[in-house]
Amino acid sequence: MPRLRFLRAVSLTEGLSFLLLLLVAMPLKYAWGYPHAVQYLGWAHGALFLTLHGLLLQALVGGRLPFKTVCLIALAAWLPTGPFFADRLLRTQPPR
């Protein structure tokens, strides 16, 4: 799998895990008293978030993505639906 396609997959998975954390795990914890959902999904989301930023750093240092694109994708990861919009940036990147 090419590296940018893998970066896209991790970015979208991280975005999905963020939405699941906010929309499923948090209500399970606070409305129904099931804290394990947040514990496990939060751990998975954190691992994906760190993996995404590590891959972005590799893409920047390796010259596969410009600095501006890396910054926009990194900032988008902090928003619940940001990675889905940032995916457009990754899809339109010419191969380097």
PDB file of N, CA and C in Angstrom:
ATOM      1  N   MET A   1       0.855  -1.175   0.000  1.00  0.00           N
ATOM      2  CA  MET A   1       0.000   0.000   0.000  1.00  0.00           C
ATOM      3  C   MET A   1       0.901   1.238   0.000  1.00  0.00           C
ATOM      4  N   PRO A   2       0.681   2.148  -0.948  1.00  0.00           N
ATOM      5  CA  PRO A   2       1.494   3.375  -0.943  1.00  0.00           C
ATOM      6  C   PRO A   2       1.320   4.153   0.360  1.00  0.00           C
ATOM      7  N   ARG A   3       2.334   4.902   0.696  1.00  0.00           N
ATOM      8  CA  ARG A   3       2.354   5.569   2.005  1.00  0.00           C
ATOM      9  C   ARG A   3       1.246   6.602   2.174  1.00  0.00           C
ATOM     10  N   LEU A   4       0.959   7.372   1.134  1.00  0.00           N
ATOM     11  CA  LEU A   4      -0.101   8.377   1.277  1.00  0.00           C
ATOM     12  C   LEU A   4      -1.474   7.717   1.396  1.00  0.00           C
ATOM     13  N   ARG A   5      -1.665   6.582   0.757  1.00  0.00           N
ATOM     14  CA  ARG A   5      -2.933   5.875   0.906  1.00  0.00           C
ATOM     15  C   ARG A   5      -3.064   5.333   2.331  1.00  0.00           C
ATOM     16  N   PHE A   6      -1.959   4.853   2.885  1.00  0.00           N
ATOM     17  CA  PHE A   6      -1.966   4.392   4.269  1.00  0.00           C
ATOM     18  C   PHE A   6      -2.237   5.559   5.214  1.00  0.00           C
ATOM     19  N   LEU A   7      -1.647   6.724   4.932  1.00  0.00           N
ATOM     20  CA  LEU A   7      -1.889   7.924   5.732  1.00  0.00           C
ATOM     21  C   LEU A   7      -3.362   8.307   5.676  1.00  0.00           C
ATOM     22  N   ARG A   8      -3.968   8.235   4.503  1.00  0.00           N
ATOM     23  CA  ARG A   8      -5.402   8.515   4.363  1.00  0.00           C
ATOM     24  C   ARG A   8      -6.233   7.542   5.180  1.00  0.00           C
ATOM     25  N   ALA A   9      -5.876   6.261   5.135  1.00  0.00           N
ATOM     26  CA  ALA A   9      -6.633   5.245   5.871  1.00  0.00           C
ATOM     27  C   ALA A   9      -6.547   5.483   7.374  1.00  0.00           C
ATOM     28  N   VAL A  10      -5.359   5.812   7.864  1.00  0.00           N
ATOM     29  CA  VAL A  10      -5.195   6.081   9.290  1.00  0.00           C
ATOM     30  C   VAL A  10      -5.957   7.340   9.674  1.00  0.00           C
ATOM     31  N   SER A  11      -5.911   8.359   8.832  1.00  0.00           N
ATOM     32  CA  SER A  11      -6.617   9.607   9.115  1.00  0.00           C
ATOM     33  C   SER A  11      -8.127   9.386   9.207  1.00  0.00           C
ATOM     34  N   LEU A  12      -8.681   8.656   8.262  1.00  0.00           N
ATOM     35  CA  LEU A  12     -10.124   8.402   8.283  1.00  0.00           C
ATOM     36  C   LEU A  12     -10.520   7.504   9.456  1.00  0.00           C
ATOM     37  N   THR A  13      -9.681   6.531   9.783  1.00  0.00           N
ATOM     38  CA  THR A  13      -9.962   5.661  10.926  1.00  0.00           C
ATOM     39  C   THR A  13      -9.904   6.449  12.227  1.00  0.00           C
ATOM     40  N   GLU A  14      -8.943   7.354  12.318  1.00  0.00           N
ATOM     41  CA  GLU A  14      -8.830   8.205  13.502  1.00  0.00           C
ATOM     42  C   GLU A  14     -10.053   9.101  13.628  1.00  0.00           C
ATOM     43  N   GLY A  15     -10.526   9.656  12.517  1.00  0.00           N
ATOM     44  CA  GLY A  15     -11.727  10.487  12.538  1.00  0.00           C
ATOM     45  C   GLY A  15     -12.963   9.697  12.953  1.00  0.00           C
ATOM     46  N   LEU A  16     -13.077   8.478  12.457  1.00  0.00           N
ATOM     47  CA  LEU A  16     -14.192   7.620  12.838  1.00  0.00           C
ATOM     48  C   LEU A  16     -14.129   7.266  14.325  1.00  0.00           C
ATOM     49  N   SER A  17     -12.919   6.983  14.824  1.00  0.00           N
ATOM     50  CA  SER A  17     -12.790   6.644  16.246  1.00  0.00           C
ATOM     51  C   SER A  17     -13.158   7.841  17.128  1.00  0.00           C
ATOM     52  N   PHE A  18     -12.849   9.052  16.671  1.00  0.00           N
ATOM     53  CA  PHE A  18     -13.201  10.260  17.421  1.00  0.00           C
ATOM     54  C   PHE A  18     -14.718  10.412  17.489  1.00  0.00           C
ATOM     55  N   LEU A  19     -15.386  10.204  16.349  1.00  0.00           N
ATOM     56  CA  LEU A  19     -16.849  10.308  16.337  1.00  0.00           C
ATOM     57  C   LEU A  19     -17.486   9.225  17.204  1.00  0.00           C
ATOM     58  N   LEU A  20     -16.968   8.003  17.146  1.00  0.00           N
ATOM     59  CA  LEU A  20     -17.492   6.931  17.988  1.00  0.00           C
ATOM     60  C   LEU A  20     -17.285   7.246  19.469  1.00  0.00           C
ATOM     61  N   LEU A  21     -16.153   7.829  19.775  1.00  0.00           N
ATOM     62  CA  LEU A  21     -15.868   8.197  21.158  1.00  0.00           C
ATOM     63  C   LEU A  21     -16.872   9.238  21.653  1.00  0.00           C
ATOM     64  N   LEU A  22     -17.128  10.243  20.828  1.00  0.00           N
ATOM     65  CA  LEU A  22     -18.041  11.311  21.233  1.00  0.00           C
ATOM     66  C   LEU A  22     -19.504  10.898  21.200  1.00  0.00           C
ATOM     67  N   LEU A  23     -19.900  10.162  20.176  1.00  0.00           N
ATOM     68  CA  LEU A  23     -21.317   9.887  19.959  1.00  0.00           C
ATOM     69  C   LEU A  23     -21.810   8.558  20.539  1.00  0.00           C
ATOM     70  N   VAL A  24     -20.899   7.641  20.824  1.00  0.00           N
ATOM     71  CA  VAL A  24     -21.309   6.343  21.359  1.00  0.00           C
ATOM     72  C   VAL A  24     -20.758   6.130  22.765  1.00  0.00           C
ATOM     73  N   ALA A  25     -19.440   6.227  22.904  1.00  0.00           N
ATOM     74  CA  ALA A  25     -18.821   5.886  24.184  1.00  0.00           C
ATOM     75  C   ALA A  25     -19.168   6.873  25.300  1.00  0.00           C
ATOM     76  N   MET A  26     -19.181   8.154  24.988  1.00  0.00           N
ATOM     77  CA  MET A  26     -19.498   9.141  26.025  1.00  0.00           C
ATOM     78  C   MET A  26     -20.938   8.982  26.536  1.00  0.00           C
ATOM     79  N   PRO A  27     -21.936   8.832  25.657  1.00  0.00           N
ATOM     80  CA  PRO A  27     -23.283   8.569  26.190  1.00  0.00           C
ATOM     81  C   PRO A  27     -23.364   7.259  26.985  1.00  0.00           C
ATOM     82  N   LEU A  28     -22.639   6.233  26.543  1.00  0.00           N
ATOM     83  CA  LEU A  28     -22.637   4.989  27.305  1.00  0.00           C
ATOM     84  C   LEU A  28     -22.094   5.207  28.713  1.00  0.00           C
ATOM     85  N   LYS A  29     -21.079   6.033  28.806  1.00  0.00           N
ATOM     86  CA  LYS A  29     -20.474   6.279  30.118  1.00  0.00           C
ATOM     87  C   LYS A  29     -21.383   7.118  31.014  1.00  0.00           C
ATOM     88  N   TYR A  30     -21.861   8.230  30.493  1.00  0.00           N
ATOM     89  CA  TYR A  30     -22.567   9.174  31.349  1.00  0.00           C
ATOM     90  C   TYR A  30     -24.071   8.910  31.466  1.00  0.00           C
ATOM     91  N   ALA A  31     -24.684   8.327  30.470  1.00  0.00           N
ATOM     92  CA  ALA A  31     -26.122   8.076  30.551  1.00  0.00           C
ATOM     93  C   ALA A  31     -26.446   6.691  31.109  1.00  0.00           C
ATOM     94  N   TRP A  32     -25.598   5.708  30.770  1.00  0.00           N
ATOM     95  CA  TRP A  32     -25.896   4.348  31.186  1.00  0.00           C
ATOM     96  C   TRP A  32     -24.862   3.749  32.143  1.00  0.00           C
ATOM     97  N   GLY A  33     -23.913   4.540  32.580  1.00  0.00           N
ATOM     98  CA  GLY A  33     -22.962   4.097  33.584  1.00  0.00           C
ATOM     99  C   GLY A  33     -22.027   2.987  33.134  1.00  0.00           C
ATOM    100  N   TYR A  34     -21.604   3.020  31.880  1.00  0.00           N
ATOM    101  CA  TYR A  34     -20.681   2.008  31.355  1.00  0.00           C
ATOM    102  C   TYR A  34     -19.367   2.697  30.978  1.00  0.00           C
ATOM    103  N   PRO A  35     -18.444   2.871  31.934  1.00  0.00           N
ATOM    104  CA  PRO A  35     -17.225   3.627  31.674  1.00  0.00           C
ATOM    105  C   PRO A  35     -16.194   2.891  30.822  1.00  0.00           C
ATOM    106  N   HIS A  36     -16.339   1.590  30.667  1.00  0.00           N
ATOM    107  CA  HIS A  36     -15.330   0.844  29.906  1.00  0.00           C
ATOM    108  C   HIS A  36     -15.326   1.213  28.430  1.00  0.00           C
ATOM    109  N   ALA A  37     -16.436   1.670  27.902  1.00  0.00           N
ATOM    110  CA  ALA A  37     -16.483   2.064  26.489  1.00  0.00           C
ATOM    111  C   ALA A  37     -15.523   3.219  26.235  1.00  0.00           C
ATOM    112  N   VAL A  38     -15.523   4.189  27.121  1.00  0.00           N
ATOM    113  CA  VAL A  38     -14.624   5.335  26.954  1.00  0.00           C
ATOM    114  C   VAL A  38     -13.184   4.902  27.174  1.00  0.00           C
ATOM    115  N   GLN A  39     -12.978   4.030  28.127  1.00  0.00           N
ATOM    116  CA  GLN A  39     -11.619   3.577  28.420  1.00  0.00           C
ATOM    117  C   GLN A  39     -10.990   2.905  27.197  1.00  0.00           C
ATOM    118  N   TYR A  40     -11.682   1.953  26.604  1.00  0.00           N
ATOM    119  CA  TYR A  40     -11.110   1.209  25.490  1.00  0.00           C
ATOM    120  C   TYR A  40     -11.102   1.997  24.191  1.00  0.00           C
ATOM    121  N   LEU A  41     -12.192   2.662  23.893  1.00  0.00           N
ATOM    122  CA  LEU A  41     -12.247   3.443  22.666  1.00  0.00           C
ATOM    123  C   LEU A  41     -11.329   4.662  22.757  1.00  0.00           C
ATOM    124  N   GLY A  42     -11.201   5.224  23.943  1.00  0.00           N
ATOM    125  CA  GLY A  42     -10.282   6.342  24.132  1.00  0.00           C
ATOM    126  C   GLY A  42      -8.836   5.934  23.910  1.00  0.00           C
ATOM    127  N   TRP A  43      -8.495   4.744  24.376  1.00  0.00           N
ATOM    128  CA  TRP A  43      -7.142   4.249  24.165  1.00  0.00           C
ATOM    129  C   TRP A  43      -6.874   4.042  22.676  1.00  0.00           C
ATOM    130  N   ALA A  44      -7.826   3.432  21.978  1.00  0.00           N
ATOM    131  CA  ALA A  44      -7.677   3.190  20.543  1.00  0.00           C
ATOM    132  C   ALA A  44      -7.582   4.512  19.777  1.00  0.00           C
ATOM    133  N   HIS A  45      -8.424   5.462  20.138  1.00  0.00           N
ATOM    134  CA  HIS A  45      -8.385   6.771  19.475  1.00  0.00           C
ATOM    135  C   HIS A  45      -7.043   7.466  19.721  1.00  0.00           C
ATOM    136  N   GLY A  46      -6.546   7.394  20.942  1.00  0.00           N
ATOM    137  CA  GLY A  46      -5.254   8.008  21.247  1.00  0.00           C
ATOM    138  C   GLY A  46      -4.120   7.387  20.457  1.00  0.00           C
ATOM    139  N   ALA A  47      -4.130   6.068  20.322  1.00  0.00           N
ATOM    140  CA  ALA A  47      -3.097   5.387  19.535  1.00  0.00           C
ATOM    141  C   ALA A  47      -3.184   5.789  18.068  1.00  0.00           C
ATOM    142  N   LEU A  48      -4.390   5.876  17.529  1.00  0.00           N
ATOM    143  CA  LEU A  48      -4.558   6.305  16.141  1.00  0.00           C
ATOM    144  C   LEU A  48      -4.135   7.757  15.943  1.00  0.00           C
ATOM    145  N   PHE A  49      -4.442   8.611  16.919  1.00  0.00           N
ATOM    146  CA  PHE A  49      -4.074  10.022  16.840  1.00  0.00           C
ATOM    147  C   PHE A  49      -2.546  10.168  16.797  1.00  0.00           C
ATOM    148  N   LEU A  50      -1.863   9.452  17.668  1.00  0.00           N
ATOM    149  CA  LEU A  50      -0.400   9.520  17.685  1.00  0.00           C
ATOM    150  C   LEU A  50       0.204   8.911  16.421  1.00  0.00           C
ATOM    151  N   THR A  51      -0.389   7.835  15.935  1.00  0.00           N
ATOM    152  CA  THR A  51       0.080   7.218  14.692  1.00  0.00           C
ATOM    153  C   THR A  51      -0.084   8.183  13.525  1.00  0.00           C
ATOM    154  N   LEU A  52      -1.221   8.846  13.460  1.00  0.00           N
ATOM    155  CA  LEU A  52      -1.461   9.820  12.394  1.00  0.00           C
ATOM    156  C   LEU A  52      -0.406  10.913  12.409  1.00  0.00           C
ATOM    157  N   HIS A  53      -0.124  11.462  13.577  1.00  0.00           N
ATOM    158  CA  HIS A  53       0.852  12.544  13.648  1.00  0.00           C
ATOM    159  C   HIS A  53       2.265  12.054  13.354  1.00  0.00           C
ATOM    160  N   GLY A  54       2.572  10.824  13.728  1.00  0.00           N
ATOM    161  CA  GLY A  54       3.864  10.253  13.361  1.00  0.00           C
ATOM    162  C   GLY A  54       3.990  10.085  11.856  1.00  0.00           C
ATOM    163  N   LEU A  55       2.930   9.614  11.210  1.00  0.00           N
ATOM    164  CA  LEU A  55       2.942   9.469   9.755  1.00  0.00           C
ATOM    165  C   LEU A  55       3.021  10.825   9.053  1.00  0.00           C
ATOM    166  N   LEU A  56       2.353  11.818   9.609  1.00  0.00           N
ATOM    167  CA  LEU A  56       2.450  13.166   9.034  1.00  0.00           C
ATOM    168  C   LEU A  56       3.875  13.694   9.119  1.00  0.00           C
ATOM    169  N   LEU A  57       4.523  13.443  10.242  1.00  0.00           N
ATOM    170  CA  LEU A  57       5.915  13.874  10.399  1.00  0.00           C
ATOM    171  C   LEU A  57       6.814  13.162   9.401  1.00  0.00           C
ATOM    172  N   GLN A  58       6.602  11.867   9.208  1.00  0.00           N
ATOM    173  CA  GLN A  58       7.379  11.125   8.218  1.00  0.00           C
ATOM    174  C   GLN A  58       7.149  11.669   6.811  1.00  0.00           C
ATOM    175  N   ALA A  59       5.903  11.982   6.484  1.00  0.00           N
ATOM    176  CA  ALA A  59       5.589  12.512   5.157  1.00  0.00           C
ATOM    177  C   ALA A  59       6.227  13.881   4.950  1.00  0.00           C
ATOM    178  N   LEU A  60       6.282  14.676   5.998  1.00  0.00           N
ATOM    179  CA  LEU A  60       6.899  15.996   5.897  1.00  0.00           C
ATOM    180  C   LEU A  60       8.407  15.877   5.716  1.00  0.00           C
ATOM    181  N   VAL A  61       9.047  15.082   6.552  1.00  0.00           N
ATOM    182  CA  VAL A  61      10.503  14.924   6.485  1.00  0.00           C
ATOM    183  C   VAL A  61      10.908  14.236   5.182  1.00  0.00           C
ATOM    184  N   GLY A  62      10.094  13.275   4.731  1.00  0.00           N
ATOM    185  CA  GLY A  62      10.401  12.561   3.495  1.00  0.00           C
ATOM    186  C   GLY A  62      10.081  13.350   2.237  1.00  0.00           C
ATOM    187  N   GLY A  63       9.480  14.521   2.380  1.00  0.00           N
ATOM    188  CA  GLY A  63       9.181  15.363   1.228  1.00  0.00           C
ATOM    189  C   GLY A  63       7.965  14.928   0.441  1.00  0.00           C
ATOM    190  N   ARG A  64       7.119  14.079   1.010  1.00  0.00           N
ATOM    191  CA  ARG A  64       5.934  13.620   0.291  1.00  0.00           C
ATOM    192  C   ARG A  64       4.759  14.578   0.413  1.00  0.00           C
ATOM    193  N   LEU A  65       4.766  15.409   1.450  1.00  0.00           N
ATOM    194  CA  LEU A  65       3.701  16.393   1.638  1.00  0.00           C
ATOM    195  C   LEU A  65       4.306  17.747   1.978  1.00  0.00           C
ATOM    196  N   PRO A  66       3.706  18.825   1.470  1.00  0.00           N
ATOM    197  CA  PRO A  66       4.182  20.159   1.841  1.00  0.00           C
ATOM    198  C   PRO A  66       3.803  20.510   3.282  1.00  0.00           C
ATOM    199  N   PHE A  67       4.538  21.441   3.849  1.00  0.00           N
ATOM    200  CA  PHE A  67       4.363  21.840   5.243  1.00  0.00           C
ATOM    201  C   PHE A  67       2.932  22.309   5.520  1.00  0.00           C
ATOM    202  N   LYS A  68       2.377  23.104   4.622  1.00  0.00           N
ATOM    203  CA  LYS A  68       1.027  23.638   4.819  1.00  0.00           C
ATOM    204  C   LYS A  68      -0.007  22.517   4.894  1.00  0.00           C
ATOM    205  N   THR A  69       0.110  21.528   4.031  1.00  0.00           N
ATOM    206  CA  THR A  69      -0.822  20.405   4.029  1.00  0.00           C
ATOM    207  C   THR A  69      -0.709  19.605   5.317  1.00  0.00           C
ATOM    208  N   VAL A  70       0.505  19.361   5.774  1.00  0.00           N
ATOM    209  CA  VAL A  70       0.722  18.621   7.021  1.00  0.00           C
ATOM    210  C   VAL A  70       0.093  19.376   8.191  1.00  0.00           C
ATOM    211  N   CYS A  71       0.286  20.680   8.234  1.00  0.00           N
ATOM    212  CA  CYS A  71      -0.300  21.478   9.321  1.00  0.00           C
ATOM    213  C   CYS A  71      -1.822  21.446   9.292  1.00  0.00           C
ATOM    214  N   LEU A  72      -2.411  21.553   8.106  1.00  0.00           N
ATOM    215  CA  LEU A  72      -3.870  21.527   8.000  1.00  0.00           C
ATOM    216  C   LEU A  72      -4.452  20.175   8.416  1.00  0.00           C
ATOM    217  N   ILE A  73      -3.800  19.090   8.033  1.00  0.00           N
ATOM    218  CA  ILE A  73      -4.290  17.763   8.405  1.00  0.00           C
ATOM    219  C   ILE A  73      -4.117  17.544   9.906  1.00  0.00           C
ATOM    220  N   ALA A  74      -3.001  18.008  10.461  1.00  0.00           N
ATOM    221  CA  ALA A  74      -2.773  17.869  11.904  1.00  0.00           C
ATOM    222  C   ALA A  74      -3.808  18.666  12.694  1.00  0.00           C
ATOM    223  N   LEU A  75      -4.133  19.859  12.241  1.00  0.00           N
ATOM    224  CA  LEU A  75      -5.157  20.656  12.918  1.00  0.00           C
ATOM    225  C   LEU A  75      -6.550  20.055  12.750  1.00  0.00           C
ATOM    226  N   ALA A  76      -6.806  19.489  11.585  1.00  0.00           N
ATOM    227  CA  ALA A  76      -8.117  18.878  11.337  1.00  0.00           C
ATOM    228  C   ALA A  76      -8.358  17.678  12.244  1.00  0.00           C
ATOM    229  N   ALA A  77      -7.300  17.015  12.671  1.00  0.00           N
ATOM    230  CA  ALA A  77      -7.451  15.846  13.549  1.00  0.00           C
ATOM    231  C   ALA A  77      -8.010  16.234  14.917  1.00  0.00           C
ATOM    232  N   TRP A  78      -7.946  17.503  15.263  1.00  0.00           N
ATOM    233  CA  TRP A  78      -8.472  17.966  16.553  1.00  0.00           C
ATOM    234  C   TRP A  78      -9.971  18.237  16.499  1.00  0.00           C
ATOM    235  N   LEU A  79     -10.552  18.235  15.294  1.00  0.00           N
ATOM    236  CA  LEU A  79     -11.988  18.487  15.129  1.00  0.00           C
ATOM    237  C   LEU A  79     -12.714  17.170  14.871  1.00  0.00           C
ATOM    238  N   PRO A  80     -13.931  17.025  15.361  1.00  0.00           N
ATOM    239  CA  PRO A  80     -14.627  15.746  15.204  1.00  0.00           C
ATOM    240  C   PRO A  80     -14.791  15.269  13.761  1.00  0.00           C
ATOM    241  N   THR A  81     -15.085  16.150  12.832  1.00  0.00           N
ATOM    242  CA  THR A  81     -15.231  15.730  11.439  1.00  0.00           C
ATOM    243  C   THR A  81     -14.078  16.222  10.565  1.00  0.00           C
ATOM    244  N   GLY A  82     -13.073  16.775  11.171  1.00  0.00           N
ATOM    245  CA  GLY A  82     -11.944  17.329  10.435  1.00  0.00           C
ATOM    246  C   GLY A  82     -11.235  16.360   9.505  1.00  0.00           C
ATOM    247  N   PRO A  83     -10.932  15.136   9.935  1.00  0.00           N
ATOM    248  CA  PRO A  83     -10.217  14.216   9.044  1.00  0.00           C
ATOM    249  C   PRO A  83     -10.973  13.878   7.762  1.00  0.00           C
ATOM    250  N   PHE A  84     -12.297  13.945   7.797  1.00  0.00           N
ATOM    251  CA  PHE A  84     -13.066  13.648   6.597  1.00  0.00           C
ATOM    252  C   PHE A  84     -12.932  14.784   5.574  1.00  0.00           C
ATOM    253  N   PHE A  85     -12.820  16.013   6.053  1.00  0.00           N
ATOM    254  CA  PHE A  85     -12.589  17.138   5.149  1.00  0.00           C
ATOM    255  C   PHE A  85     -11.135  17.200   4.712  1.00  0.00           C
ATOM    256  N   ALA A  86     -10.229  16.840   5.607  1.00  0.00           N
ATOM    257  CA  ALA A  86      -8.803  16.849   5.274  1.00  0.00           C
ATOM    258  C   ALA A  86      -8.466  15.754   4.267  1.00  0.00           C
ATOM    259  N   ASP A  87      -9.305  14.763   4.149  1.00  0.00           N
ATOM    260  CA  ASP A  87      -9.054  13.690   3.187  1.00  0.00           C
ATOM    261  C   ASP A  87      -8.995  14.224   1.763  1.00  0.00           C
ATOM    262  N   ARG A  88      -9.733  15.281   1.503  1.00  0.00           N
ATOM    263  CA  ARG A  88      -9.663  15.915   0.170  1.00  0.00           C
ATOM    264  C   ARG A  88      -8.254  16.403  -0.139  1.00  0.00           C
ATOM    265  N   LEU A  89      -7.586  16.956   0.866  1.00  0.00           N
ATOM    266  CA  LEU A  89      -6.214  17.412   0.657  1.00  0.00           C
ATOM    267  C   LEU A  89      -5.303  16.252   0.292  1.00  0.00           C
ATOM    268  N   LEU A  90      -5.481  15.132   0.951  1.00  0.00           N
ATOM    269  CA  LEU A  90      -4.630  13.977   0.677  1.00  0.00           C
ATOM    270  C   LEU A  90      -4.957  13.336  -0.669  1.00  0.00           C
ATOM    271  N   ARG A  91      -6.223  13.347  -1.045  1.00  0.00           N
ATOM    272  CA  ARG A  91      -6.609  12.755  -2.346  1.00  0.00           C
ATOM    273  C   ARG A  91      -6.056  13.546  -3.516  1.00  0.00           C
ATOM    274  N   THR A  92      -5.939  14.855  -3.345  1.00  0.00           N
ATOM    275  CA  THR A  92      -5.520  15.705  -4.460  1.00  0.00           C
ATOM    276  C   THR A  92      -4.011  15.924  -4.510  1.00  0.00           C
ATOM    277  N   GLN A  93      -3.263  15.308  -3.599  1.00  0.00           N
ATOM    278  CA  GLN A  93      -1.814  15.487  -3.602  1.00  0.00           C
ATOM    279  C   GLN A  93      -1.197  14.723  -4.773  1.00  0.00           C
ATOM    280  N   PRO A  94      -0.372  15.415  -5.557  1.00  0.00           N
ATOM    281  CA  PRO A  94       0.315  14.686  -6.624  1.00  0.00           C
ATOM    282  C   PRO A  94       1.403  13.797  -6.029  1.00  0.00           C
ATOM    283  N   PRO A  95       1.668  12.649  -6.660  1.00  0.00           N
ATOM    284  CA  PRO A  95       2.724  11.775  -6.116  1.00  0.00           C
ATOM    285  C   PRO A  95       4.084  12.449  -6.206  1.00  0.00           C
ATOM    286  N   ARG A  96       4.878  12.250  -5.147  1.00  0.00           N
ATOM    287  CA  ARG A  96       6.227  12.838  -5.112  1.00  0.00           C
ATOM    288  C   ARG A  96       7.252  11.752  -5.029  1.00  0.00           C
TER     289      ARG A  96
END
